[in-house]
Every structure is written in structure tokens, then in C-alpha cells.
């Protein structure tokens, strides 16, 4: 987990930890991880049963992996990087131990229920939602998805009843000419915004 996530009031990881059996959700906070300081994490990364949920050209589709492997009898470890997209990308690239596990990604089309926080695009999910989908696929049980999403929906409903506003994704705002913030001046941020527009065929009005 990126350290910046600790300071956020509305986080999904505490909900995930509360939903899973004790000891089944281990949260390690930091930006850089090495074997000397994090031997247990290093051991998990080297374990052939470990999967890291991170999209990319080397990622396997998790559902296809489950279909083609005798996965029912194997207990897997799943690593999920908790942070913004840019934070997660930086943590993945800068930590070599994260390149050891099999890299997987989700292929389900699921609209995020985490409507009180702005997502980059319509297909982006919160950490809890990613975990819920991954576990339901690995266990071949869609009820897991429903059970894990229930507290997230309750959290969002409570916040909306007490003044919070629904946050549409940046993709949705750009697509519908609703993005009312100044366009970024930082070159990296400009490139990220241009990529978001290009990837989703968005034409700002």
C-alpha cells in the first residue's frame, strides 16, 4: 500500500480486511520493498502460487488462467498494489520482487461501485473491487463478489445521504464535456491526460 493511502479518510482496504478471515489480508505500507527489510513479502513473491494483479502486456487473463489450469486444488496468494494508478505503476516498476510472481489482469466489465471517489476511466476499480473480482474468479463463486461489494455500497450510500456527491470518472467527464478543471501544465500529467483521451477515443468539447 502506498503511504499516501493511509491518510485518506474513505479507503476500501480496511473494508476488505474486515470482510476476510483474520490473517488473510496482510497490508504492507511503503514505496520500496527489498528482501532485507521485507523477507516475508519476498518469500511470497518467490512462491509459485503467488499472483500479482497488475495489467500490462505480460499479464495473463485471470479467468483464462483458471480455465486452463488445475487451479481448484491450489491455494493462491494474490498481491494487489493499493494506490492511485500513477502510484501503483511507480511501485510496480521500482520493486523488482513484484516482477517475480505470475502477472494477471481482470477481463470482466464491471462498473465501479466506489462512486464517491473519482476514477481515471469507467473500467477502473477500487482495490476492494479488484480483490472481490479476483477472489470470485479463483474460487469460482460469484457470491464472493456480492458479499465483498456489499459494505462498499453501504459506505457510498451513507456518504451520499450525508452530503457526498457522485464522482464520475475522468473519462466520463471528458467524453461528455463536463471536465471543468484547468488542463494540467505538468508535461507528465498532460501526457497521461492525452493517453486517457486517445485510449478511449474521447474528444473534449
Protein backbone atom coordinates (compact mmCIF):
# COMPACT_ATOMS: atom_id res chain seq x y z
CA UNK A 1 0.00 0.00 0.00
CA UNK A 2 1.30 3.42 -0.94
CA UNK A 3 1.82 5.57 2.21
CA UNK A 4 -0.49 8.28 0.83
CA UNK A 5 -3.44 5.89 1.07
CA UNK A 6 -3.12 5.77 4.87
CA UNK A 7 -4.13 9.42 5.15
CA UNK A 8 -7.28 9.04 3.07
CA UNK A 9 -10.47 9.02 5.11
CA UNK A 10 -12.52 6.86 2.75
CA UNK A 11 -10.45 3.80 1.90
CA UNK A 12 -11.50 0.37 0.71
CA UNK A 13 -8.67 -1.76 2.12
CA UNK A 14 -9.99 -1.62 5.73
CA UNK A 15 -13.32 -2.90 4.40
CA UNK A 16 -11.55 -5.73 2.60
CA UNK A 17 -9.57 -6.67 5.71
CA UNK A 18 -12.76 -6.68 7.79
CA UNK A 19 -14.56 -8.95 5.30
CA UNK A 20 -11.85 -11.60 5.03
CA UNK A 21 -10.88 -14.10 7.76
CA UNK A 22 -8.23 -12.87 10.19
CA UNK A 23 -4.74 -13.15 8.77
CA UNK A 24 -5.92 -13.48 5.17
CA UNK A 25 -5.41 -9.82 4.27
CA UNK A 26 -1.91 -8.56 5.05
CA UNK A 27 -1.23 -4.88 4.37
CA UNK A 28 2.37 -3.71 3.95
CA UNK A 29 2.83 0.05 3.64
CA UNK A 30 5.72 1.59 1.72
CA UNK A 31 7.09 2.67 -1.64
CA UNK A 32 10.16 0.45 -1.89
CA UNK A 33 10.43 -3.14 -0.72
CA UNK A 34 13.52 -5.33 -0.53
CA UNK A 35 14.30 -8.78 0.81
CA UNK A 36 16.35 -7.50 3.74
CA UNK A 37 13.55 -5.35 5.18
CA UNK A 38 10.63 -7.45 3.96
CA UNK A 39 11.72 -11.12 3.96
CA UNK A 40 8.16 -12.43 4.30
CA UNK A 41 6.96 -10.43 1.28
CA UNK A 42 10.00 -11.60 -0.70
CA UNK A 43 9.17 -15.22 0.16
CA UNK A 44 5.58 -14.73 -1.00
CA UNK A 45 6.76 -13.16 -4.27
CA UNK A 46 9.03 -16.15 -4.95
CA UNK A 47 6.23 -18.64 -4.23
CA UNK A 48 4.98 -20.17 -7.49
CA UNK A 49 1.41 -19.99 -6.16
CA UNK A 50 1.56 -16.19 -5.96
CA UNK A 51 -0.21 -13.97 -8.48
CA UNK A 52 0.20 -10.21 -8.78
CA UNK A 53 -2.79 -8.30 -10.08
CA UNK A 54 -1.37 -5.68 -12.42
CA UNK A 55 -2.37 -5.04 -16.06
CA UNK A 56 0.17 -4.98 -18.85
CA UNK A 57 1.44 -6.74 -21.98
CA UNK A 58 2.85 -9.61 -19.91
CA UNK A 59 -0.34 -10.12 -17.91
CA UNK A 60 -2.45 -13.23 -18.32
CA UNK A 61 -6.20 -13.03 -18.16
CA UNK A 62 -7.13 -14.42 -14.74
CA UNK A 63 -10.28 -16.17 -15.96
CA UNK A 64 -8.37 -17.88 -18.78
CA UNK A 65 -5.69 -18.92 -16.31
CA UNK A 66 -8.33 -20.52 -14.10
CA UNK A 67 -9.89 -22.32 -17.06
CA UNK A 68 -6.63 -23.79 -18.32
CA UNK A 69 -5.00 -24.73 -15.02
CA UNK A 70 -5.88 -27.21 -12.32
CA UNK A 71 -6.33 -24.28 -10.01
CA UNK A 72 -9.08 -25.67 -7.77
CA UNK A 73 -6.68 -27.64 -5.57
CA UNK A 74 -4.09 -24.87 -5.21
CA UNK A 75 -4.32 -22.07 -2.66
CA UNK A 76 -3.03 -18.86 -4.22
CA UNK A 77 -1.59 -15.68 -2.81
CA UNK A 78 -2.80 -12.53 -4.57
CA UNK A 79 -0.79 -9.30 -4.41
CA UNK A 80 -2.70 -6.08 -5.14
CA UNK A 81 -0.93 -2.71 -5.19
CA UNK A 82 -3.08 -0.15 -3.36
CA UNK A 83 -2.73 3.43 -4.56
CA UNK A 84 -3.59 5.73 -7.44
CA UNK A 85 -2.78 4.45 -10.92
CA UNK A 86 0.43 6.51 -11.09
CA UNK A 87 1.47 5.39 -7.60
CA UNK A 88 0.76 1.73 -8.41
CA UNK A 89 2.69 1.96 -11.68
CA UNK A 90 5.68 3.52 -9.94
CA UNK A 91 5.65 0.90 -7.18
CA UNK A 92 5.42 -1.96 -9.68
CA UNK A 93 8.27 -0.67 -11.85
CA UNK A 94 10.59 0.25 -8.96
CA UNK A 95 10.24 -3.01 -6.99
CA UNK A 96 11.93 -5.94 -8.72
CA UNK A 97 10.34 -8.50 -6.38
CA UNK A 98 6.93 -7.60 -7.86
CA UNK A 99 8.15 -8.95 -11.20
CA UNK A 100 8.66 -12.47 -9.80
CA UNK A 101 5.03 -13.66 -9.42
CA UNK A 102 2.78 -14.53 -12.36
CA UNK A 103 1.23 -11.28 -13.56
CA UNK A 104 -2.54 -11.36 -14.11
CA UNK A 105 -5.29 -8.93 -15.01
CA UNK A 106 -9.08 -8.88 -14.89
CA UNK A 107 -11.19 -9.10 -18.01
CA UNK A 108 -14.63 -8.58 -16.51
CA UNK A 109 -16.59 -5.49 -17.49
CA UNK A 110 -17.66 -4.08 -14.14
CA UNK A 111 -18.67 -0.52 -13.35
CA UNK A 112 -17.10 0.68 -10.13
CA UNK A 113 -19.43 0.98 -7.15
CA UNK A 114 -16.94 3.31 -5.48
CA UNK A 115 -18.84 6.37 -6.68
CA UNK A 116 -17.56 8.77 -4.01
CA UNK A 117 -14.04 8.84 -5.47
CA UNK A 118 -13.03 9.87 -8.99
CA UNK A 119 -11.55 7.09 -11.14
CA UNK A 120 -9.39 7.70 -14.26
CA UNK A 121 -11.73 5.73 -16.54
CA UNK A 122 -15.00 3.82 -16.46
CA UNK A 123 -13.23 0.47 -16.24
CA UNK A 124 -11.07 1.37 -13.23
CA UNK A 125 -11.92 -0.36 -9.97
CA UNK A 126 -11.05 0.22 -6.33
CA UNK A 127 -8.68 -2.13 -4.52
CA UNK A 128 -11.58 -3.86 -2.77
CA UNK A 129 -13.41 -4.37 -6.07
CA UNK A 130 -10.28 -5.81 -7.71
CA UNK A 131 -9.86 -8.22 -4.81
CA UNK A 132 -13.54 -9.17 -4.90
CA UNK A 133 -13.46 -9.99 -8.61
CA UNK A 134 -10.15 -11.87 -8.34
CA UNK A 135 -11.31 -13.98 -5.40
CA UNK A 136 -14.66 -14.77 -7.03
CA UNK A 137 -12.83 -15.92 -10.18
CA UNK A 138 -10.27 -18.02 -8.29
CA UNK A 139 -12.95 -19.59 -6.09
CA UNK A 140 -15.43 -19.85 -8.99
CA UNK A 141 -18.07 -18.33 -6.76
CA UNK A 142 -19.85 -15.11 -7.79
CA UNK A 143 -21.39 -14.81 -4.32
CA UNK A 144 -17.96 -13.74 -3.04
CA UNK A 145 -18.16 -10.69 -5.30
CA UNK A 146 -21.62 -9.82 -4.00
CA UNK A 147 -20.63 -10.24 -0.33
CA UNK A 148 -17.43 -8.19 -0.59
CA UNK A 149 -19.11 -5.36 -2.50
CA UNK A 150 -21.96 -5.06 -0.01
CA UNK A 151 -20.05 -2.95 2.59
CA UNK A 152 -18.63 -0.72 -0.16
CA UNK A 153 -22.13 0.00 -1.45
CA UNK A 154 -23.26 0.71 2.13
CA UNK A 155 -20.33 3.10 2.68
CA UNK A 156 -21.09 5.02 -0.51
CA UNK A 157 -24.82 5.11 0.24
CA UNK A 158 -24.17 6.50 3.73
CA UNK A 159 -21.82 9.18 2.40
CA UNK A 160 -24.26 10.22 -0.32
CA UNK A 161 -27.05 10.53 2.24
CA UNK A 162 -24.86 12.91 4.23
CA UNK A 163 -23.81 15.32 1.52
CA UNK A 164 -21.26 13.50 -0.60
CA UNK A 165 -21.60 13.80 -4.37
CA UNK A 166 -21.35 11.09 -7.01
CA UNK A 167 -17.96 11.27 -8.73
CA UNK A 168 -17.91 10.35 -12.39
CA UNK A 169 -14.67 9.08 -13.93
CA UNK A 170 -12.36 11.49 -15.76
CA UNK A 171 -13.17 9.52 -18.91
CA UNK A 172 -16.90 10.19 -18.43
CA UNK A 173 -16.32 13.89 -17.71
CA UNK A 174 -14.09 14.36 -20.76
CA UNK A 175 -16.40 12.36 -23.03
CA UNK A 176 -19.41 14.47 -22.03
CA UNK A 177 -17.68 17.86 -21.94
CA UNK A 178 -18.08 18.06 -18.16
CA UNK A 179 -14.41 18.26 -17.15
CA UNK A 180 -14.33 21.72 -15.56
CA UNK A 181 -10.84 21.70 -14.08
CA UNK A 182 -7.93 23.50 -15.79
CA UNK A 183 -5.95 21.20 -18.06
CA UNK A 184 -2.63 20.25 -16.40
CA UNK A 185 0.58 22.15 -17.17
CA UNK A 186 2.95 19.44 -15.97
CA UNK A 187 4.24 17.52 -19.03
CA UNK A 188 3.76 14.11 -17.41
CA UNK A 189 0.20 14.93 -16.41
CA UNK A 190 -0.51 16.27 -19.91
CA UNK A 191 0.76 13.01 -21.43
CA UNK A 192 -1.41 10.97 -19.04
CA UNK A 193 -4.46 13.05 -19.95
CA UNK A 194 -3.70 12.73 -23.69
CA UNK A 195 -3.30 8.97 -23.29
CA UNK A 196 -6.63 8.73 -21.48
CA UNK A 197 -8.30 10.69 -24.28
CA UNK A 198 -6.61 8.63 -27.03
CA UNK A 199 -7.19 5.22 -25.42
CA UNK A 200 -10.90 5.81 -25.11
CA UNK A 201 -11.49 7.88 -28.29
CA UNK A 202 -12.53 10.88 -26.22
CA UNK A 203 -12.92 14.24 -27.93
CA UNK A 204 -13.18 17.07 -25.36
CA UNK A 205 -15.81 19.64 -26.24
